[in-house]
C-alpha cells in the first residue's frame, strides 16, 4: 500500500510518515523517542485575555493561560521545546508603556528556547528592541537579516542547535522583507536577504555538516498569498532539508498542520497558531532510538 493511501486508510491526516516503513503498532516507549515542539506566533503583547463580552475572542488568550498550558504539557512530556515565530510586540498598551520588557520577561519565565523577529518587533525601533532584549534569556534567530551595520549586530544568531534526548534539532529562520512594511527609520541599515536561498543554505549546513536529525524553520513570511509574495508554502515547495516550518505574520488559525512536498518530493510540515496567544501549537514528533524521524502529529491547545 502506498504511503498516502495508508495515511488515508487510517484517517491520520495530521500525521507525516517518513520514507522508511515502520509499523505504527510497534511504536512503544521501548523503541522510539518522542519530541514535543510547542509554538506561538503574533501574540502582539496580549498579556491579559481578551475582555469578556460578545467578541468571538472573549476571555481567550493571555499569558497566564498559555503559561499554564505549557507547564501542564511539560509535566506530561519528557522532551519539550518552545519556539515563537515573531511579532511579539505591539497591540496593547503594555507594549506602549513597557516597550517590550514585559513580553520578554514573561517569555523567559515560560522557558522559550528560541524566537525569530517579526516586522512589528521593530515598532520601537532598533534601540527599543535592543533595550528590551536584555530581559530575554532565549536566542533570536535571524538567518536572512543582515544586522552588520546596525546596533543589533551580534545580538541575534543565524542558526541554533539544540540536543535533547540524543536528538539534534537544527533551527533557522525565514524573515519577511521590511521595505514597504516597516518605516526605514525603524530598521535603518538592516539588509534583507533572499529567505529561500538562505534557508536552504543553512538547512544543508545543519543537516549535512552538523548532522542534525530534524530541521526547524521559524518563519515570519506568512502562510500563503494570492500573489507571488514569498510565503511559507512557497518556501516549503522550494526547500530541501527543512522538516518543519513554524509560521507567523498572517495570523492563520490551523486545526492541523499542512504537509507540503519540497523540491525533492519529501514532506515538509507547515503550521501556524493564529495570533494573540489564543492557541498554543503542538507537534509530537517521533524518532527511532537512533534519532531517525518516523512521524509527527499536530494539534492546537486553547
C-alpha atoms as a PDB file:
ATOM      1  CA  UNK A   1       0.000   0.000   0.000  1.00  0.00           C
ATOM      2  CA  UNK A   2       1.344   3.439  -0.900  1.00  0.00           C
ATOM      3  CA  UNK A   3       2.164   5.784   1.976  1.00  0.00           C
ATOM      4  CA  UNK A   4      -0.529   8.370   1.178  1.00  0.00           C
ATOM      5  CA  UNK A   5      -3.160   5.629   0.821  1.00  0.00           C
ATOM      6  CA  UNK A   6      -2.009   4.199   4.129  1.00  0.00           C
ATOM      7  CA  UNK A   7      -2.488   7.588   5.806  1.00  0.00           C
ATOM      8  CA  UNK A   8      -5.971   7.988   4.321  1.00  0.00           C
ATOM      9  CA  UNK A   9      -6.970   4.465   5.329  1.00  0.00           C
ATOM     10  CA  UNK A  10      -6.103   5.124   8.956  1.00  0.00           C
ATOM     11  CA  UNK A  11      -7.612   8.625   8.906  1.00  0.00           C
ATOM     12  CA  UNK A  12      -4.316  10.086  10.046  1.00  0.00           C
ATOM     13  CA  UNK A  13      -4.493  13.360   8.142  1.00  0.00           C
ATOM     14  CA  UNK A  14      -2.354  15.129  10.730  1.00  0.00           C
ATOM     15  CA  UNK A  15       0.451  12.600  10.549  1.00  0.00           C
ATOM     16  CA  UNK A  16       3.519  12.540   8.378  1.00  0.00           C
ATOM     17  CA  UNK A  17       5.031   9.134   7.731  1.00  0.00           C
ATOM     18  CA  UNK A  18       8.740   9.042   6.920  1.00  0.00           C
ATOM     19  CA  UNK A  19      10.202   7.498   3.782  1.00  0.00           C
ATOM     20  CA  UNK A  20      11.056   4.382   5.794  1.00  0.00           C
ATOM     21  CA  UNK A  21       8.475   1.758   6.725  1.00  0.00           C
ATOM     22  CA  UNK A  22       7.652   1.496  10.407  1.00  0.00           C
ATOM     23  CA  UNK A  23       4.667  -0.338  11.842  1.00  0.00           C
ATOM     24  CA  UNK A  24       2.657   2.106  13.954  1.00  0.00           C
ATOM     25  CA  UNK A  25       1.539  -0.811  16.100  1.00  0.00           C
ATOM     26  CA  UNK A  26       5.168  -1.394  17.069  1.00  0.00           C
ATOM     27  CA  UNK A  27       5.694   2.149  18.364  1.00  0.00           C
ATOM     28  CA  UNK A  28       6.155   1.651  22.085  1.00  0.00           C
ATOM     29  CA  UNK A  29       8.176   3.583  24.623  1.00  0.00           C
ATOM     30  CA  UNK A  30      10.788   0.869  24.357  1.00  0.00           C
ATOM     31  CA  UNK A  31      11.625   1.514  20.693  1.00  0.00           C
ATOM     32  CA  UNK A  32      11.056   5.194  19.951  1.00  0.00           C
ATOM     33  CA  UNK A  33      11.800   8.674  21.264  1.00  0.00           C
ATOM     34  CA  UNK A  34       9.256  11.470  21.356  1.00  0.00           C
ATOM     35  CA  UNK A  35       9.957  15.186  20.953  1.00  0.00           C
ATOM     36  CA  UNK A  36       7.223  17.746  21.654  1.00  0.00           C
ATOM     37  CA  UNK A  37       7.564  21.140  19.970  1.00  0.00           C
ATOM     38  CA  UNK A  38       5.290  23.920  21.242  1.00  0.00           C
ATOM     39  CA  UNK A  39       4.931  27.085  19.208  1.00  0.00           C
ATOM     40  CA  UNK A  40       3.363  30.550  19.203  1.00  0.00           C
ATOM     41  CA  UNK A  41       3.360  33.499  16.847  1.00  0.00           C
ATOM     42  CA  UNK A  42       1.975  37.031  16.607  1.00  0.00           C
ATOM     43  CA  UNK A  43       0.916  37.266  20.206  1.00  0.00           C
ATOM     44  CA  UNK A  44       1.154  41.058  19.910  1.00  0.00           C
ATOM     45  CA  UNK A  45       1.572  41.980  23.579  1.00  0.00           C
ATOM     46  CA  UNK A  46      -1.631  40.164  24.561  1.00  0.00           C
ATOM     47  CA  UNK A  47      -0.643  39.945  28.222  1.00  0.00           C
ATOM     48  CA  UNK A  48      -4.199  39.612  29.503  1.00  0.00           C
ATOM     49  CA  UNK A  49      -7.080  37.665  27.921  1.00  0.00           C
ATOM     50  CA  UNK A  50      -9.482  39.489  25.643  1.00  0.00           C
ATOM     51  CA  UNK A  51     -12.215  41.178  27.723  1.00  0.00           C
ATOM     52  CA  UNK A  52     -15.327  39.166  28.474  1.00  0.00           C
ATOM     53  CA  UNK A  53     -18.203  40.063  26.192  1.00  0.00           C
ATOM     54  CA  UNK A  54     -19.717  39.205  22.843  1.00  0.00           C
ATOM     55  CA  UNK A  55     -16.450  39.144  20.929  1.00  0.00           C
ATOM     56  CA  UNK A  56     -15.525  35.765  19.394  1.00  0.00           C
ATOM     57  CA  UNK A  57     -12.240  36.056  21.303  1.00  0.00           C
ATOM     58  CA  UNK A  58     -13.944  36.809  24.633  1.00  0.00           C
ATOM     59  CA  UNK A  59     -11.756  35.679  27.558  1.00  0.00           C
ATOM     60  CA  UNK A  60      -9.307  33.946  25.196  1.00  0.00           C
ATOM     61  CA  UNK A  61      -5.564  34.383  25.003  1.00  0.00           C
ATOM     62  CA  UNK A  62      -3.410  35.898  27.693  1.00  0.00           C
ATOM     63  CA  UNK A  63      -0.003  34.980  29.083  1.00  0.00           C
ATOM     64  CA  UNK A  64      -1.260  33.258  32.246  1.00  0.00           C
ATOM     65  CA  UNK A  65      -3.371  30.742  30.304  1.00  0.00           C
ATOM     66  CA  UNK A  66      -0.510  29.997  27.924  1.00  0.00           C
ATOM     67  CA  UNK A  67       1.929  29.575  30.800  1.00  0.00           C
ATOM     68  CA  UNK A  68      -0.413  27.055  32.437  1.00  0.00           C
ATOM     69  CA  UNK A  69      -0.786  25.083  29.183  1.00  0.00           C
ATOM     70  CA  UNK A  70       2.987  24.971  28.725  1.00  0.00           C
ATOM     71  CA  UNK A  71       3.535  23.911  32.317  1.00  0.00           C
ATOM     72  CA  UNK A  72       0.939  21.139  32.093  1.00  0.00           C
ATOM     73  CA  UNK A  73       2.457  19.767  28.878  1.00  0.00           C
ATOM     74  CA  UNK A  74       5.955  19.804  30.389  1.00  0.00           C
ATOM     75  CA  UNK A  75       4.652  17.738  33.305  1.00  0.00           C
ATOM     76  CA  UNK A  76       3.323  15.115  30.879  1.00  0.00           C
ATOM     77  CA  UNK A  77       6.095  15.073  28.308  1.00  0.00           C
ATOM     78  CA  UNK A  78       9.798  14.384  28.752  1.00  0.00           C
ATOM     79  CA  UNK A  79      11.322  16.293  25.823  1.00  0.00           C
ATOM     80  CA  UNK A  80       9.716  19.699  25.182  1.00  0.00           C
ATOM     81  CA  UNK A  81      10.945  22.665  23.123  1.00  0.00           C
ATOM     82  CA  UNK A  82       9.171  26.039  22.898  1.00  0.00           C
ATOM     83  CA  UNK A  83       9.518  28.470  19.978  1.00  0.00           C
ATOM     84  CA  UNK A  84       7.983  31.734  18.749  1.00  0.00           C
ATOM     85  CA  UNK A  85       7.731  32.925  15.124  1.00  0.00           C
ATOM     86  CA  UNK A  86       7.727  36.688  15.703  1.00  0.00           C
ATOM     87  CA  UNK A  87       5.528  39.754  16.185  1.00  0.00           C
ATOM     88  CA  UNK A  88       5.862  39.564  19.926  1.00  0.00           C
ATOM     89  CA  UNK A  89       5.435  43.350  20.207  1.00  0.00           C
ATOM     90  CA  UNK A  90       2.578  45.775  19.545  1.00  0.00           C
ATOM     91  CA  UNK A  91      -1.151  45.510  20.088  1.00  0.00           C
ATOM     92  CA  UNK A  92      -1.917  46.534  23.689  1.00  0.00           C
ATOM     93  CA  UNK A  93      -0.913  49.422  25.986  1.00  0.00           C
ATOM     94  CA  UNK A  94       1.528  47.093  27.736  1.00  0.00           C
ATOM     95  CA  UNK A  95       3.896  47.495  24.788  1.00  0.00           C
ATOM     96  CA  UNK A  96       3.379  51.243  24.590  1.00  0.00           C
ATOM     97  CA  UNK A  97       4.218  51.608  28.270  1.00  0.00           C
ATOM     98  CA  UNK A  98       6.917  48.964  28.856  1.00  0.00           C
ATOM     99  CA  UNK A  99       8.441  48.817  25.353  1.00  0.00           C
ATOM    100  CA  UNK A 100       8.666  45.010  25.182  1.00  0.00           C
ATOM    101  CA  UNK A 101      10.240  44.445  28.599  1.00  0.00           C
ATOM    102  CA  UNK A 102       7.188  42.662  29.974  1.00  0.00           C
ATOM    103  CA  UNK A 103       6.761  40.432  26.917  1.00  0.00           C
ATOM    104  CA  UNK A 104      10.351  39.198  27.097  1.00  0.00           C
ATOM    105  CA  UNK A 105      10.234  38.715  30.868  1.00  0.00           C
ATOM    106  CA  UNK A 106       7.116  36.558  30.525  1.00  0.00           C
ATOM    107  CA  UNK A 107       8.554  34.519  27.656  1.00  0.00           C
ATOM    108  CA  UNK A 108      11.720  33.946  29.654  1.00  0.00           C
ATOM    109  CA  UNK A 109       9.655  32.777  32.620  1.00  0.00           C
ATOM    110  CA  UNK A 110       7.733  30.392  30.340  1.00  0.00           C
ATOM    111  CA  UNK A 111      11.024  28.915  29.169  1.00  0.00           C
ATOM    112  CA  UNK A 112      11.144  29.771  25.464  1.00  0.00           C
ATOM    113  CA  UNK A 113      14.103  28.152  23.728  1.00  0.00           C
ATOM    114  CA  UNK A 114      14.263  30.464  20.690  1.00  0.00           C
ATOM    115  CA  UNK A 115      12.304  33.015  18.655  1.00  0.00           C
ATOM    116  CA  UNK A 116      12.608  34.976  15.475  1.00  0.00           C
ATOM    117  CA  UNK A 117      11.854  38.636  14.777  1.00  0.00           C
ATOM    118  CA  UNK A 118       8.667  39.815  13.067  1.00  0.00           C
ATOM    119  CA  UNK A 119       8.031  43.171  11.414  1.00  0.00           C
ATOM    120  CA  UNK A 120       6.222  44.581  14.467  1.00  0.00           C
ATOM    121  CA  UNK A 121       9.209  43.778  16.642  1.00  0.00           C
ATOM    122  CA  UNK A 122      10.790  46.834  15.005  1.00  0.00           C
ATOM    123  CA  UNK A 123       7.950  49.110  16.159  1.00  0.00           C
ATOM    124  CA  UNK A 124      10.056  50.525  18.981  1.00  0.00           C
ATOM    125  CA  UNK A 125      12.969  50.965  16.627  1.00  0.00           C
ATOM    126  CA  UNK A 126      16.220  49.046  16.833  1.00  0.00           C
ATOM    127  CA  UNK A 127      17.106  50.916  20.006  1.00  0.00           C
ATOM    128  CA  UNK A 128      13.827  49.804  21.553  1.00  0.00           C
ATOM    129  CA  UNK A 129      14.405  46.162  20.645  1.00  0.00           C
ATOM    130  CA  UNK A 130      17.949  46.254  21.998  1.00  0.00           C
ATOM    131  CA  UNK A 131      16.755  47.830  25.246  1.00  0.00           C
ATOM    132  CA  UNK A 132      14.085  45.165  25.768  1.00  0.00           C
ATOM    133  CA  UNK A 133      16.279  42.259  24.658  1.00  0.00           C
ATOM    134  CA  UNK A 134      18.245  42.228  27.911  1.00  0.00           C
ATOM    135  CA  UNK A 135      15.122  40.740  29.528  1.00  0.00           C
ATOM    136  CA  UNK A 136      15.068  37.790  27.096  1.00  0.00           C
ATOM    137  CA  UNK A 137      17.075  34.751  28.180  1.00  0.00           C
ATOM    138  CA  UNK A 138      16.494  32.973  24.861  1.00  0.00           C
ATOM    139  CA  UNK A 139      18.090  33.383  21.434  1.00  0.00           C
ATOM    140  CA  UNK A 140      16.703  35.315  18.463  1.00  0.00           C
ATOM    141  CA  UNK A 141      17.397  33.658  15.112  1.00  0.00           C
ATOM    142  CA  UNK A 142      17.522  35.883  12.000  1.00  0.00           C
ATOM    143  CA  UNK A 143      19.018  33.866   9.156  1.00  0.00           C
ATOM    144  CA  UNK A 144      18.219  36.288   6.331  1.00  0.00           C
ATOM    145  CA  UNK A 145      18.535  39.644   8.107  1.00  0.00           C
ATOM    146  CA  UNK A 146      21.992  41.206   7.988  1.00  0.00           C
ATOM    147  CA  UNK A 147      22.412  43.488  11.007  1.00  0.00           C
ATOM    148  CA  UNK A 148      26.141  44.078  10.456  1.00  0.00           C
ATOM    149  CA  UNK A 149      25.789  47.869  10.130  1.00  0.00           C
ATOM    150  CA  UNK A 150      23.290  48.289  12.950  1.00  0.00           C
ATOM    151  CA  UNK A 151      23.201  48.278  16.752  1.00  0.00           C
ATOM    152  CA  UNK A 152      21.771  44.746  16.618  1.00  0.00           C
ATOM    153  CA  UNK A 153      24.976  43.382  15.098  1.00  0.00           C
ATOM    154  CA  UNK A 154      25.947  40.312  17.112  1.00  0.00           C
ATOM    155  CA  UNK A 155      22.730  40.326  19.141  1.00  0.00           C
ATOM    156  CA  UNK A 156      20.967  37.682  17.041  1.00  0.00           C
ATOM    157  CA  UNK A 157      22.209  34.406  15.587  1.00  0.00           C
ATOM    158  CA  UNK A 158      21.911  32.768  12.164  1.00  0.00           C
ATOM    159  CA  UNK A 159      21.155  29.285  13.474  1.00  0.00           C
ATOM    160  CA  UNK A 160      20.968  27.273  16.660  1.00  0.00           C
ATOM    161  CA  UNK A 161      21.403  23.596  17.505  1.00  0.00           C
ATOM    162  CA  UNK A 162      19.598  22.057  20.463  1.00  0.00           C
ATOM    163  CA  UNK A 163      20.307  18.482  21.520  1.00  0.00           C
ATOM    164  CA  UNK A 164      17.605  16.817  23.582  1.00  0.00           C
ATOM    165  CA  UNK A 165      17.456  13.101  24.431  1.00  0.00           C
ATOM    166  CA  UNK A 166      20.072  12.447  21.759  1.00  0.00           C
ATOM    167  CA  UNK A 167      18.040  14.238  19.052  1.00  0.00           C
ATOM    168  CA  UNK A 168      19.864  17.106  17.361  1.00  0.00           C
ATOM    169  CA  UNK A 169      17.401  19.831  16.353  1.00  0.00           C
ATOM    170  CA  UNK A 170      18.691  22.490  13.962  1.00  0.00           C
ATOM    171  CA  UNK A 171      16.991  25.890  13.948  1.00  0.00           C
ATOM    172  CA  UNK A 172      16.994  28.618  11.307  1.00  0.00           C
ATOM    173  CA  UNK A 173      14.642  31.416  10.289  1.00  0.00           C
ATOM    174  CA  UNK A 174      12.929  32.958   7.275  1.00  0.00           C
ATOM    175  CA  UNK A 175      12.140  36.635   7.820  1.00  0.00           C
ATOM    176  CA  UNK A 176       9.867  38.962   5.887  1.00  0.00           C
ATOM    177  CA  UNK A 177      11.037  41.856   3.719  1.00  0.00           C
ATOM    178  CA  UNK A 178      10.804  45.085   5.718  1.00  0.00           C
ATOM    179  CA  UNK A 179      10.817  47.582   2.855  1.00  0.00           C
ATOM    180  CA  UNK A 180       7.283  48.897   2.385  1.00  0.00           C
ATOM    181  CA  UNK A 181       6.117  47.209   5.575  1.00  0.00           C
ATOM    182  CA  UNK A 182       8.169  48.987   8.238  1.00  0.00           C
ATOM    183  CA  UNK A 183       9.361  52.625   8.115  1.00  0.00           C
ATOM    184  CA  UNK A 184      13.028  52.796   7.131  1.00  0.00           C
ATOM    185  CA  UNK A 185      13.872  54.844  10.230  1.00  0.00           C
ATOM    186  CA  UNK A 186      12.900  51.888  12.423  1.00  0.00           C
ATOM    187  CA  UNK A 187      15.063  49.193  10.787  1.00  0.00           C
ATOM    188  CA  UNK A 188      17.759  51.527   9.420  1.00  0.00           C
ATOM    189  CA  UNK A 189      20.606  49.677   7.645  1.00  0.00           C
ATOM    190  CA  UNK A 190      19.191  46.177   8.108  1.00  0.00           C
ATOM    191  CA  UNK A 191      19.720  44.191   4.909  1.00  0.00           C
ATOM    192  CA  UNK A 192      17.073  41.738   3.748  1.00  0.00           C
ATOM    193  CA  UNK A 193      18.473  38.640   2.020  1.00  0.00           C
ATOM    194  CA  UNK A 194      16.531  36.072  -0.018  1.00  0.00           C
ATOM    195  CA  UNK A 195      14.861  33.831   2.581  1.00  0.00           C
ATOM    196  CA  UNK A 196      14.595  30.753   0.343  1.00  0.00           C
ATOM    197  CA  UNK A 197      18.270  30.804  -0.628  1.00  0.00           C
ATOM    198  CA  UNK A 198      19.468  31.480   2.904  1.00  0.00           C
ATOM    199  CA  UNK A 199      17.131  28.900   4.455  1.00  0.00           C
ATOM    200  CA  UNK A 200      18.257  26.191   2.036  1.00  0.00           C
ATOM    201  CA  UNK A 201      21.935  27.011   2.548  1.00  0.00           C
ATOM    202  CA  UNK A 202      21.558  26.951   6.314  1.00  0.00           C
ATOM    203  CA  UNK A 203      19.425  23.784   6.309  1.00  0.00           C
ATOM    204  CA  UNK A 204      22.038  21.987   4.194  1.00  0.00           C
ATOM    205  CA  UNK A 205      24.753  23.062   6.612  1.00  0.00           C
ATOM    206  CA  UNK A 206      22.755  21.919   9.651  1.00  0.00           C
ATOM    207  CA  UNK A 207      21.705  18.586   8.118  1.00  0.00           C
ATOM    208  CA  UNK A 208      24.950  17.539   6.449  1.00  0.00           C
ATOM    209  CA  UNK A 209      27.766  19.374   8.199  1.00  0.00           C
ATOM    210  CA  UNK A 210      26.321  19.437  11.718  1.00  0.00           C
ATOM    211  CA  UNK A 211      24.417  16.125  11.350  1.00  0.00           C
ATOM    212  CA  UNK A 212      21.157  17.456  12.758  1.00  0.00           C
ATOM    213  CA  UNK A 213      18.319  14.943  12.869  1.00  0.00           C
ATOM    214  CA  UNK A 214      15.480  17.436  12.456  1.00  0.00           C
ATOM    215  CA  UNK A 215      15.486  20.932  10.913  1.00  0.00           C
ATOM    216  CA  UNK A 216      13.014  23.606  12.064  1.00  0.00           C
ATOM    217  CA  UNK A 217      12.495  26.952  10.350  1.00  0.00           C
ATOM    218  CA  UNK A 218      10.932  29.778  12.378  1.00  0.00           C
ATOM    219  CA  UNK A 219       9.228  31.846   9.702  1.00  0.00           C
ATOM    220  CA  UNK A 220       7.605  35.257   9.665  1.00  0.00           C
ATOM    221  CA  UNK A 221       6.869  35.200   5.938  1.00  0.00           C
ATOM    222  CA  UNK A 222       3.137  34.497   6.164  1.00  0.00           C
ATOM    223  CA  UNK A 223       1.250  31.285   5.381  1.00  0.00           C
ATOM    224  CA  UNK A 224       0.298  31.940   1.732  1.00  0.00           C
ATOM    225  CA  UNK A 225      -0.723  34.732  -0.658  1.00  0.00           C
ATOM    226  CA  UNK A 226      -2.687  35.139  -3.873  1.00  0.00           C
ATOM    227  CA  UNK A 227       0.261  36.914  -5.498  1.00  0.00           C
ATOM    228  CA  UNK A 228       3.916  35.902  -5.893  1.00  0.00           C
ATOM    229  CA  UNK A 229       4.991  37.172  -2.487  1.00  0.00           C
ATOM    230  CA  UNK A 230       7.200  34.614  -0.719  1.00  0.00           C
ATOM    231  CA  UNK A 231       5.207  32.619   1.833  1.00  0.00           C
ATOM    232  CA  UNK A 232       5.636  29.537   3.989  1.00  0.00           C
ATOM    233  CA  UNK A 233       4.024  27.444   1.268  1.00  0.00           C
ATOM    234  CA  UNK A 234       6.422  28.865  -1.328  1.00  0.00           C
ATOM    235  CA  UNK A 235       9.363  28.216   0.954  1.00  0.00           C
ATOM    236  CA  UNK A 236       8.248  24.652   1.655  1.00  0.00           C
ATOM    237  CA  UNK A 237       7.823  23.809  -2.042  1.00  0.00           C
ATOM    238  CA  UNK A 238      11.251  25.243  -2.893  1.00  0.00           C
ATOM    239  CA  UNK A 239      13.119  23.895   0.106  1.00  0.00           C
ATOM    240  CA  UNK A 240      15.380  20.967   0.828  1.00  0.00           C
ATOM    241  CA  UNK A 241      16.440  19.541   4.199  1.00  0.00           C
ATOM    242  CA  UNK A 242      13.819  21.527   6.158  1.00  0.00           C
ATOM    243  CA  UNK A 243      11.423  19.273   8.090  1.00  0.00           C
ATOM    244  CA  UNK A 244       9.154  21.802   9.818  1.00  0.00           C
ATOM    245  CA  UNK A 245       8.149  25.423   9.164  1.00  0.00           C
ATOM    246  CA  UNK A 246       6.587  27.231  12.129  1.00  0.00           C
ATOM    247  CA  UNK A 247       4.963  30.323  10.648  1.00  0.00           C
ATOM    248  CA  UNK A 248       3.591  33.709  11.576  1.00  0.00           C
ATOM    249  CA  UNK A 249       2.549  37.111  10.181  1.00  0.00           C
ATOM    250  CA  UNK A 250      -0.769  36.160   8.536  1.00  0.00           C
ATOM    251  CA  UNK A 251      -2.481  35.214  11.830  1.00  0.00           C
ATOM    252  CA  UNK A 252      -3.584  31.920  10.286  1.00  0.00           C
ATOM    253  CA  UNK A 253      -5.603  29.616  12.535  1.00  0.00           C
ATOM    254  CA  UNK A 254      -4.950  25.984  11.633  1.00  0.00           C
ATOM    255  CA  UNK A 255      -6.633  22.951  13.137  1.00  0.00           C
ATOM    256  CA  UNK A 256      -3.950  20.665  11.814  1.00  0.00           C
ATOM    257  CA  UNK A 257      -0.630  21.259  10.136  1.00  0.00           C
ATOM    258  CA  UNK A 258      -0.147  21.020   6.367  1.00  0.00           C
ATOM    259  CA  UNK A 259       2.077  18.529   4.590  1.00  0.00           C
ATOM    260  CA  UNK A 260       3.818  20.100   1.598  1.00  0.00           C
ATOM    261  CA  UNK A 261       6.160  18.296  -0.778  1.00  0.00           C
ATOM    262  CA  UNK A 262       9.515  20.039  -1.169  1.00  0.00           C
ATOM    263  CA  UNK A 263      11.529  20.198  -4.372  1.00  0.00           C
ATOM    264  CA  UNK A 264      12.887  16.717  -3.685  1.00  0.00           C
ATOM    265  CA  UNK A 265       9.429  15.222  -3.145  1.00  0.00           C
ATOM    266  CA  UNK A 266       9.837  14.969   0.630  1.00  0.00           C
ATOM    267  CA  UNK A 267       7.314  16.118   3.223  1.00  0.00           C
ATOM    268  CA  UNK A 268       7.615  19.478   4.966  1.00  0.00           C
ATOM    269  CA  UNK A 269       5.233  20.242   7.823  1.00  0.00           C
ATOM    270  CA  UNK A 270       3.856  23.811   7.745  1.00  0.00           C
ATOM    271  CA  UNK A 271       1.994  25.149  10.752  1.00  0.00           C
ATOM    272  CA  UNK A 272       0.849  28.404  12.371  1.00  0.00           C
ATOM    273  CA  UNK A 273      -1.076  29.148  15.580  1.00  0.00           C
ATOM    274  CA  UNK A 274      -3.307  32.129  14.784  1.00  0.00           C
ATOM    275  CA  UNK A 275      -2.491  35.188  16.855  1.00  0.00           C
ATOM    276  CA  UNK A 276      -2.768  36.821  20.309  1.00  0.00           C
ATOM    277  CA  UNK A 277      -1.828  33.628  22.105  1.00  0.00           C
ATOM    278  CA  UNK A 278      -5.322  32.203  21.588  1.00  0.00           C
ATOM    279  CA  UNK A 279      -3.776  28.905  20.516  1.00  0.00           C
ATOM    280  CA  UNK A 280      -0.655  27.074  21.584  1.00  0.00           C
ATOM    281  CA  UNK A 281       0.566  24.920  18.728  1.00  0.00           C
ATOM    282  CA  UNK A 282       1.918  21.467  19.447  1.00  0.00           C
ATOM    283  CA  UNK A 283       3.754  18.912  17.359  1.00  0.00           C
ATOM    284  CA  UNK A 284       4.562  15.486  18.773  1.00  0.00           C
ATOM    285  CA  UNK A 285       7.436  14.117  16.717  1.00  0.00           C
ATOM    286  CA  UNK A 286       8.568  10.519  16.931  1.00  0.00           C
ATOM    287  CA  UNK A 287      12.060   9.165  16.256  1.00  0.00           C
ATOM    288  CA  UNK A 288      13.702   5.774  16.373  1.00  0.00           C
ATOM    289  CA  UNK A 289      16.206   5.119  19.135  1.00  0.00           C
ATOM    290  CA  UNK A 290      18.834   6.110  16.553  1.00  0.00           C
ATOM    291  CA  UNK A 291      17.106   9.528  16.204  1.00  0.00           C
ATOM    292  CA  UNK A 292      15.694   8.799  12.735  1.00  0.00           C
ATOM    293  CA  UNK A 293      12.447  10.701  12.099  1.00  0.00           C
ATOM    294  CA  UNK A 294       9.351   8.474  11.879  1.00  0.00           C
ATOM    295  CA  UNK A 295       6.184  10.557  12.034  1.00  0.00           C
ATOM    296  CA  UNK A 296       4.585  13.651  13.555  1.00  0.00           C
ATOM    297  CA  UNK A 297       1.176  14.594  14.913  1.00  0.00           C
ATOM    298  CA  UNK A 298      -0.052  18.207  15.065  1.00  0.00           C
ATOM    299  CA  UNK A 299      -2.576  19.689  17.473  1.00  0.00           C
ATOM    300  CA  UNK A 300      -3.540  23.037  18.983  1.00  0.00           C
ATOM    301  CA  UNK A 301      -4.285  23.847  22.613  1.00  0.00           C
ATOM    302  CA  UNK A 302      -6.711  26.615  23.623  1.00  0.00           C
END
